[in-house]
Amino acid sequence: MDTGDTTRKPRLLDFRKTIHSQFGEDGIIEKIFEIIGTTSKVCVEFGAWDGFFLSNTAALWTKDWKGVLIEAEQNKFLRCWTM
């Protein structure tokens, strides 16, 4: 008879939550920093689009993070300035 614990430990994917991100990265990032903590709240977004669309960092800004947005396409880059 197997009496071992069959409960599964939570995985990062269990914490998916979409605010601005595409595949739930907002919740995963939130959980990672809940576990490891933060010392300086600075983030970088490569392929920033307009700063919000499918962003992995926009949700952090509401928590007093600072960010650097990098976008190669000029029309999208200019939209970052208007947010």
PDB file of N, CA and C in Angstrom:
ATOM      1  N   MET A   1       0.842  -1.174   0.000  1.00  0.00           N
ATOM      2  CA  MET A   1       0.000   0.000   0.000  1.00  0.00           C
ATOM      3  C   MET A   1       0.889   1.240   0.000  1.00  0.00           C
ATOM      4  N   ASP A   2       0.635   2.144  -0.928  1.00  0.00           N
ATOM      5  CA  ASP A   2       1.411   3.382  -1.028  1.00  0.00           C
ATOM      6  C   ASP A   2       0.732   4.460  -0.189  1.00  0.00           C
ATOM      7  N   THR A   3       1.431   4.933   0.821  1.00  0.00           N
ATOM      8  CA  THR A   3       0.877   5.999   1.668  1.00  0.00           C
ATOM      9  C   THR A   3       1.621   7.312   1.469  1.00  0.00           C
ATOM     10  N   GLY A   4       2.397   7.406   0.382  1.00  0.00           N
ATOM     11  CA  GLY A   4       3.170   8.623   0.104  1.00  0.00           C
ATOM     12  C   GLY A   4       2.276   9.819  -0.180  1.00  0.00           C
ATOM     13  N   ASP A   5       2.835  10.964   0.030  1.00  0.00           N
ATOM     14  CA  ASP A   5       2.116  12.213  -0.215  1.00  0.00           C
ATOM     15  C   ASP A   5       1.989  12.419  -1.720  1.00  0.00           C
ATOM     16  N   THR A   6       0.785  12.511  -2.202  1.00  0.00           N
ATOM     17  CA  THR A   6       0.564  12.681  -3.643  1.00  0.00           C
ATOM     18  C   THR A   6       0.243  14.126  -4.023  1.00  0.00           C
ATOM     19  N   THR A   7       0.309  15.037  -3.062  1.00  0.00           N
ATOM     20  CA  THR A   7       0.048  16.434  -3.404  1.00  0.00           C
ATOM     21  C   THR A   7       1.226  17.004  -4.172  1.00  0.00           C
ATOM     22  N   ARG A   8       0.916  17.765  -5.163  1.00  0.00           N
ATOM     23  CA  ARG A   8       1.943  18.338  -6.027  1.00  0.00           C
ATOM     24  C   ARG A   8       2.337  19.713  -5.507  1.00  0.00           C
ATOM     25  N   LYS A   9       3.632  19.971  -5.516  1.00  0.00           N
ATOM     26  CA  LYS A   9       4.107  21.306  -5.150  1.00  0.00           C
ATOM     27  C   LYS A   9       3.736  22.273  -6.272  1.00  0.00           C
ATOM     28  N   PRO A  10       3.394  23.504  -5.920  1.00  0.00           N
ATOM     29  CA  PRO A  10       3.034  24.466  -6.973  1.00  0.00           C
ATOM     30  C   PRO A  10       4.222  24.759  -7.888  1.00  0.00           C
ATOM     31  N   ARG A  11       3.915  24.931  -9.164  1.00  0.00           N
ATOM     32  CA  ARG A  11       4.918  25.332 -10.150  1.00  0.00           C
ATOM     33  C   ARG A  11       4.682  26.796 -10.492  1.00  0.00           C
ATOM     34  N   LEU A  12       5.671  27.434 -11.059  1.00  0.00           N
ATOM     35  CA  LEU A  12       5.498  28.843 -11.432  1.00  0.00           C
ATOM     36  C   LEU A  12       4.319  29.036 -12.379  1.00  0.00           C
ATOM     37  N   LEU A  13       4.085  28.064 -13.250  1.00  0.00           N
ATOM     38  CA  LEU A  13       2.963  28.193 -14.182  1.00  0.00           C
ATOM     39  C   LEU A  13       1.621  28.274 -13.462  1.00  0.00           C
ATOM     40  N   ASP A  14       1.565  27.769 -12.246  1.00  0.00           N
ATOM     41  CA  ASP A  14       0.325  27.838 -11.467  1.00  0.00           C
ATOM     42  C   ASP A  14      -0.034  29.271 -11.079  1.00  0.00           C
ATOM     43  N   PHE A  15       0.914  30.183 -11.195  1.00  0.00           N
ATOM     44  CA  PHE A  15       0.696  31.566 -10.770  1.00  0.00           C
ATOM     45  C   PHE A  15       0.468  32.509 -11.947  1.00  0.00           C
ATOM     46  N   ARG A  16       0.232  31.943 -13.130  1.00  0.00           N
ATOM     47  CA  ARG A  16      -0.021  32.779 -14.308  1.00  0.00           C
ATOM     48  C   ARG A  16      -1.181  33.735 -14.050  1.00  0.00           C
ATOM     49  N   LYS A  17      -0.962  34.982 -14.447  1.00  0.00           N
ATOM     50  CA  LYS A  17      -2.009  36.008 -14.359  1.00  0.00           C
ATOM     51  C   LYS A  17      -1.701  37.032 -15.444  1.00  0.00           C
ATOM     52  N   THR A  18      -2.679  37.334 -16.239  1.00  0.00           N
ATOM     53  CA  THR A  18      -2.464  38.268 -17.332  1.00  0.00           C
ATOM     54  C   THR A  18      -3.102  39.612 -17.013  1.00  0.00           C
ATOM     55  N   ILE A  19      -2.254  40.618 -16.910  1.00  0.00           N
ATOM     56  CA  ILE A  19      -2.706  42.003 -16.784  1.00  0.00           C
ATOM     57  C   ILE A  19      -2.402  42.697 -18.115  1.00  0.00           C
ATOM     58  N   HIS A  20      -1.145  42.682 -18.501  1.00  0.00           N
ATOM     59  CA  HIS A  20      -0.721  43.215 -19.794  1.00  0.00           C
ATOM     60  C   HIS A  20      -0.006  42.154 -20.628  1.00  0.00           C
ATOM     61  N   SER A  21       0.557  41.150 -19.988  1.00  0.00           N
ATOM     62  CA  SER A  21       1.364  40.148 -20.680  1.00  0.00           C
ATOM     63  C   SER A  21       0.506  39.261 -21.573  1.00  0.00           C
ATOM     64  N   GLN A  22       1.173  38.423 -22.364  1.00  0.00           N
ATOM     65  CA  GLN A  22       0.462  37.583 -23.319  1.00  0.00           C
ATOM     66  C   GLN A  22       0.093  36.219 -22.739  1.00  0.00           C
ATOM     67  N   PHE A  23       0.993  35.619 -21.973  1.00  0.00           N
ATOM     68  CA  PHE A  23       0.785  34.247 -21.520  1.00  0.00           C
ATOM     69  C   PHE A  23       0.850  34.102 -20.002  1.00  0.00           C
ATOM     70  N   GLY A  24       0.441  35.124 -19.267  1.00  0.00           N
ATOM     71  CA  GLY A  24       0.409  35.020 -17.815  1.00  0.00           C
ATOM     72  C   GLY A  24       1.700  35.368 -17.112  1.00  0.00           C
ATOM     73  N   GLU A  25       2.640  35.945 -17.855  1.00  0.00           N
ATOM     74  CA  GLU A  25       3.929  36.293 -17.253  1.00  0.00           C
ATOM     75  C   GLU A  25       3.792  37.267 -16.090  1.00  0.00           C
ATOM     76  N   ASP A  26       2.769  38.115 -16.102  1.00  0.00           N
ATOM     77  CA  ASP A  26       2.577  39.077 -15.005  1.00  0.00           C
ATOM     78  C   ASP A  26       2.521  38.363 -13.656  1.00  0.00           C
ATOM     79  N   GLY A  27       1.749  37.315 -13.562  1.00  0.00           N
ATOM     80  CA  GLY A  27       1.624  36.576 -12.309  1.00  0.00           C
ATOM     81  C   GLY A  27       2.873  35.810 -11.942  1.00  0.00           C
ATOM     82  N   ILE A  28       3.552  35.262 -12.943  1.00  0.00           N
ATOM     83  CA  ILE A  28       4.788  34.513 -12.700  1.00  0.00           C
ATOM     84  C   ILE A  28       5.869  35.447 -12.175  1.00  0.00           C
ATOM     85  N   ILE A  29       6.017  36.604 -12.802  1.00  0.00           N
ATOM     86  CA  ILE A  29       7.003  37.589 -12.345  1.00  0.00           C
ATOM     87  C   ILE A  29       6.674  38.049 -10.930  1.00  0.00           C
ATOM     88  N   GLU A  30       5.404  38.294 -10.656  1.00  0.00           N
ATOM     89  CA  GLU A  30       4.977  38.704  -9.318  1.00  0.00           C
ATOM     90  C   GLU A  30       5.365  37.647  -8.277  1.00  0.00           C
ATOM     91  N   LYS A  31       5.149  36.373  -8.596  1.00  0.00           N
ATOM     92  CA  LYS A  31       5.471  35.287  -7.662  1.00  0.00           C
ATOM     93  C   LYS A  31       6.977  35.168  -7.450  1.00  0.00           C
ATOM     94  N   ILE A  32       7.749  35.296  -8.517  1.00  0.00           N
ATOM     95  CA  ILE A  32       9.210  35.212  -8.391  1.00  0.00           C
ATOM     96  C   ILE A  32       9.715  36.263  -7.414  1.00  0.00           C
ATOM     97  N   PHE A  33       9.258  37.511  -7.567  1.00  0.00           N
ATOM     98  CA  PHE A  33       9.733  38.566  -6.667  1.00  0.00           C
ATOM     99  C   PHE A  33       9.139  38.446  -5.272  1.00  0.00           C
ATOM    100  N   GLU A  34       7.999  37.803  -5.146  1.00  0.00           N
ATOM    101  CA  GLU A  34       7.456  37.513  -3.816  1.00  0.00           C
ATOM    102  C   GLU A  34       8.386  36.542  -3.081  1.00  0.00           C
ATOM    103  N   ILE A  35       8.966  35.608  -3.824  1.00  0.00           N
ATOM    104  CA  ILE A  35       9.858  34.602  -3.232  1.00  0.00           C
ATOM    105  C   ILE A  35      11.243  35.170  -2.953  1.00  0.00           C
ATOM    106  N   ILE A  36      11.844  35.840  -3.951  1.00  0.00           N
ATOM    107  CA  ILE A  36      13.241  36.272  -3.800  1.00  0.00           C
ATOM    108  C   ILE A  36      13.391  37.682  -3.258  1.00  0.00           C
ATOM    109  N   GLY A  37      12.308  38.461  -3.284  1.00  0.00           N
ATOM    110  CA  GLY A  37      12.388  39.839  -2.820  1.00  0.00           C
ATOM    111  C   GLY A  37      13.025  40.745  -3.863  1.00  0.00           C
ATOM    112  N   THR A  38      13.128  42.018  -3.521  1.00  0.00           N
ATOM    113  CA  THR A  38      13.735  42.997  -4.424  1.00  0.00           C
ATOM    114  C   THR A  38      14.673  43.899  -3.640  1.00  0.00           C
ATOM    115  N   THR A  39      15.705  44.360  -4.317  1.00  0.00           N
ATOM    116  CA  THR A  39      16.601  45.347  -3.714  1.00  0.00           C
ATOM    117  C   THR A  39      16.475  46.676  -4.449  1.00  0.00           C
ATOM    118  N   SER A  40      16.434  46.613  -5.758  1.00  0.00           N
ATOM    119  CA  SER A  40      16.174  47.818  -6.549  1.00  0.00           C
ATOM    120  C   SER A  40      15.100  47.452  -7.560  1.00  0.00           C
ATOM    121  N   LYS A  41      14.120  48.282  -7.678  1.00  0.00           N
ATOM    122  CA  LYS A  41      12.984  47.979  -8.541  1.00  0.00           C
ATOM    123  C   LYS A  41      13.163  48.647  -9.896  1.00  0.00           C
ATOM    124  N   VAL A  42      14.013  48.031 -10.717  1.00  0.00           N
ATOM    125  CA  VAL A  42      14.285  48.517 -12.064  1.00  0.00           C
ATOM    126  C   VAL A  42      14.125  47.338 -13.017  1.00  0.00           C
ATOM    127  N   CYS A  43      13.407  47.565 -14.118  1.00  0.00           N
ATOM    128  CA  CYS A  43      13.193  46.493 -15.089  1.00  0.00           C
ATOM    129  C   CYS A  43      13.499  46.999 -16.497  1.00  0.00           C
ATOM    130  N   VAL A  44      13.719  46.053 -17.405  1.00  0.00           N
ATOM    131  CA  VAL A  44      14.000  46.367 -18.806  1.00  0.00           C
ATOM    132  C   VAL A  44      13.049  45.545 -19.664  1.00  0.00           C
ATOM    133  N   GLU A  45      12.459  46.183 -20.656  1.00  0.00           N
ATOM    134  CA  GLU A  45      11.572  45.489 -21.594  1.00  0.00           C
ATOM    135  C   GLU A  45      12.162  45.615 -22.988  1.00  0.00           C
ATOM    136  N   PHE A  46      12.530  44.486 -23.587  1.00  0.00           N
ATOM    137  CA  PHE A  46      13.024  44.442 -24.960  1.00  0.00           C
ATOM    138  C   PHE A  46      11.838  44.118 -25.866  1.00  0.00           C
ATOM    139  N   GLY A  47      11.673  44.881 -26.920  1.00  0.00           N
ATOM    140  CA  GLY A  47      10.499  44.711 -27.767  1.00  0.00           C
ATOM    141  C   GLY A  47       9.286  45.282 -27.066  1.00  0.00           C
ATOM    142  N   ALA A  48       9.394  46.541 -26.662  1.00  0.00           N
ATOM    143  CA  ALA A  48       8.412  47.165 -25.770  1.00  0.00           C
ATOM    144  C   ALA A  48       7.088  47.510 -26.436  1.00  0.00           C
ATOM    145  N   TRP A  49       7.054  47.507 -27.764  1.00  0.00           N
ATOM    146  CA  TRP A  49       5.856  47.897 -28.517  1.00  0.00           C
ATOM    147  C   TRP A  49       5.450  49.298 -28.096  1.00  0.00           C
ATOM    148  N   ASP A  50       4.318  49.469 -27.412  1.00  0.00           N
ATOM    149  CA  ASP A  50       3.904  50.805 -26.959  1.00  0.00           C
ATOM    150  C   ASP A  50       4.075  50.962 -25.451  1.00  0.00           C
ATOM    151  N   GLY A  51       4.665  49.984 -24.809  1.00  0.00           N
ATOM    152  CA  GLY A  51       4.874  50.021 -23.365  1.00  0.00           C
ATOM    153  C   GLY A  51       3.834  49.253 -22.579  1.00  0.00           C
ATOM    154  N   PHE A  52       2.709  48.932 -23.217  1.00  0.00           N
ATOM    155  CA  PHE A  52       1.637  48.205 -22.529  1.00  0.00           C
ATOM    156  C   PHE A  52       1.213  46.934 -23.251  1.00  0.00           C
ATOM    157  N   PHE A  53       1.082  46.994 -24.572  1.00  0.00           N
ATOM    158  CA  PHE A  53       0.586  45.851 -25.340  1.00  0.00           C
ATOM    159  C   PHE A  53       1.523  44.663 -25.169  1.00  0.00           C
ATOM    160  N   LEU A  54       1.013  43.570 -24.630  1.00  0.00           N
ATOM    161  CA  LEU A  54       1.769  42.338 -24.383  1.00  0.00           C
ATOM    162  C   LEU A  54       3.033  42.582 -23.564  1.00  0.00           C
ATOM    163  N   SER A  55       2.984  43.531 -22.667  1.00  0.00           N
ATOM    164  CA  SER A  55       4.151  43.903 -21.862  1.00  0.00           C
ATOM    165  C   SER A  55       4.340  42.970 -20.675  1.00  0.00           C
ATOM    166  N   ASN A  56       5.595  42.596 -20.435  1.00  0.00           N
ATOM    167  CA  ASN A  56       5.938  41.800 -19.258  1.00  0.00           C
ATOM    168  C   ASN A  56       6.343  42.673 -18.078  1.00  0.00           C
ATOM    169  N   THR A  57       6.423  43.990 -18.284  1.00  0.00           N
ATOM    170  CA  THR A  57       6.872  44.874 -17.202  1.00  0.00           C
ATOM    171  C   THR A  57       5.857  45.943 -16.810  1.00  0.00           C
ATOM    172  N   ALA A  58       4.850  46.207 -17.612  1.00  0.00           N
ATOM    173  CA  ALA A  58       3.895  47.286 -17.314  1.00  0.00           C
ATOM    174  C   ALA A  58       3.221  47.092 -15.963  1.00  0.00           C
ATOM    175  N   ALA A  59       2.923  45.870 -15.582  1.00  0.00           N
ATOM    176  CA  ALA A  59       2.279  45.623 -14.284  1.00  0.00           C
ATOM    177  C   ALA A  59       3.194  46.003 -13.123  1.00  0.00           C
ATOM    178  N   LEU A  60       4.504  45.971 -13.342  1.00  0.00           N
ATOM    179  CA  LEU A  60       5.447  46.342 -12.280  1.00  0.00           C
ATOM    180  C   LEU A  60       5.410  47.840 -12.002  1.00  0.00           C
ATOM    181  N   TRP A  61       5.134  48.636 -13.017  1.00  0.00           N
ATOM    182  CA  TRP A  61       5.139  50.095 -12.831  1.00  0.00           C
ATOM    183  C   TRP A  61       4.104  50.525 -11.810  1.00  0.00           C
ATOM    184  N   THR A  62       3.012  49.799 -11.702  1.00  0.00           N
ATOM    185  CA  THR A  62       1.978  50.152 -10.722  1.00  0.00           C
ATOM    186  C   THR A  62       2.433  49.848  -9.298  1.00  0.00           C
ATOM    187  N   LYS A  63       3.586  49.182  -9.199  1.00  0.00           N
ATOM    188  CA  LYS A  63       4.149  48.850  -7.883  1.00  0.00           C
ATOM    189  C   LYS A  63       5.445  49.619  -7.653  1.00  0.00           C
ATOM    190  N   ASP A  64       5.505  50.819  -8.215  1.00  0.00           N
ATOM    191  CA  ASP A  64       6.627  51.747  -8.018  1.00  0.00           C
ATOM    192  C   ASP A  64       7.945  51.273  -8.611  1.00  0.00           C
ATOM    193  N   TRP A  65       7.903  50.477  -9.670  1.00  0.00           N
ATOM    194  CA  TRP A  65       9.111  50.100 -10.384  1.00  0.00           C
ATOM    195  C   TRP A  65       9.430  51.180 -11.412  1.00  0.00           C
ATOM    196  N   LYS A  66      10.689  51.281 -11.770  1.00  0.00           N
ATOM    197  CA  LYS A  66      11.151  52.128 -12.869  1.00  0.00           C
ATOM    198  C   LYS A  66      11.533  51.191 -14.004  1.00  0.00           C
ATOM    199  N   GLY A  67      11.425  51.673 -15.238  1.00  0.00           N
ATOM    200  CA  GLY A  67      11.718  50.795 -16.352  1.00  0.00           C
ATOM    201  C   GLY A  67      12.395  51.480 -17.514  1.00  0.00           C
ATOM    202  N   VAL A  68      13.083  50.670 -18.296  1.00  0.00           N
ATOM    203  CA  VAL A  68      13.684  51.088 -19.558  1.00  0.00           C
ATOM    204  C   VAL A  68      12.978  50.290 -20.643  1.00  0.00           C
ATOM    205  N   LEU A  69      12.422  50.996 -21.622  1.00  0.00           N
ATOM    206  CA  LEU A  69      11.732  50.346 -22.726  1.00  0.00           C
ATOM    207  C   LEU A  69      12.601  50.422 -23.970  1.00  0.00           C
ATOM    208  N   ILE A  70      12.814  49.290 -24.612  1.00  0.00           N
ATOM    209  CA  ILE A  70      13.615  49.228 -25.834  1.00  0.00           C
ATOM    210  C   ILE A  70      12.719  48.718 -26.955  1.00  0.00           C
ATOM    211  N   GLU A  71      12.609  49.503 -28.014  1.00  0.00           N
ATOM    212  CA  GLU A  71      11.779  49.136 -29.162  1.00  0.00           C
ATOM    213  C   GLU A  71      12.475  49.584 -30.432  1.00  0.00           C
ATOM    214  N   ALA A  72      12.693  48.656 -31.367  1.00  0.00           N
ATOM    215  CA  ALA A  72      13.423  48.940 -32.599  1.00  0.00           C
ATOM    216  C   ALA A  72      12.565  49.624 -33.661  1.00  0.00           C
ATOM    217  N   GLU A  73      11.282  49.338 -33.696  1.00  0.00           N
ATOM    218  CA  GLU A  73      10.417  49.925 -34.722  1.00  0.00           C
ATOM    219  C   GLU A  73      10.013  51.340 -34.315  1.00  0.00           C
ATOM    220  N   GLN A  74      10.343  52.304 -35.177  1.00  0.00           N
ATOM    221  CA  GLN A  74      10.163  53.713 -34.832  1.00  0.00           C
ATOM    222  C   GLN A  74       8.723  54.073 -34.473  1.00  0.00           C
ATOM    223  N   ASN A  75       7.747  53.587 -35.249  1.00  0.00           N
ATOM    224  CA  ASN A  75       6.355  53.959 -34.956  1.00  0.00           C
ATOM    225  C   ASN A  75       5.910  53.433 -33.589  1.00  0.00           C
ATOM    226  N   LYS A  76       6.377  52.259 -33.212  1.00  0.00           N
ATOM    227  CA  LYS A  76       6.046  51.720 -31.885  1.00  0.00           C
ATOM    228  C   LYS A  76       6.819  52.465 -30.801  1.00  0.00           C
ATOM    229  N   PHE A  77       8.082  52.762 -31.080  1.00  0.00           N
ATOM    230  CA  PHE A  77       8.914  53.502 -30.127  1.00  0.00           C
ATOM    231  C   PHE A  77       8.283  54.850 -29.782  1.00  0.00           C
ATOM    232  N   LEU A  78       7.790  55.556 -30.798  1.00  0.00           N
ATOM    233  CA  LEU A  78       7.174  56.867 -30.568  1.00  0.00           C
ATOM    234  C   LEU A  78       5.921  56.761 -29.703  1.00  0.00           C
ATOM    235  N   ARG A  79       5.217  55.641 -29.787  1.00  0.00           N
ATOM    236  CA  ARG A  79       4.032  55.444 -28.942  1.00  0.00           C
ATOM    237  C   ARG A  79       4.424  55.276 -27.476  1.00  0.00           C
ATOM    238  N   CYS A  80       5.626  54.777 -27.211  1.00  0.00           N
ATOM    239  CA  CYS A  80       6.100  54.661 -25.822  1.00  0.00           C
ATOM    240  C   CYS A  80       6.183  56.038 -25.174  1.00  0.00           C
ATOM    241  N   TRP A  81       6.512  57.041 -25.945  1.00  0.00           N
ATOM    242  CA  TRP A  81       6.665  58.396 -25.411  1.00  0.00           C
ATOM    243  C   TRP A  81       5.330  59.040 -25.084  1.00  0.00           C
ATOM    244  N   THR A  82       4.254  58.538 -25.682  1.00  0.00           N
ATOM    245  CA  THR A  82       2.947  59.163 -25.480  1.00  0.00           C
ATOM    246  C   THR A  82       2.140  58.524 -24.357  1.00  0.00           C
ATOM    247  N   MET A  83       2.683  57.528 -23.704  1.00  0.00           N
ATOM    248  CA  MET A  83       1.915  56.863 -22.643  1.00  0.00           C
ATOM    249  C   MET A  83       1.968  57.615 -21.351  1.00  0.00           C
TER     250      MET A  83
END
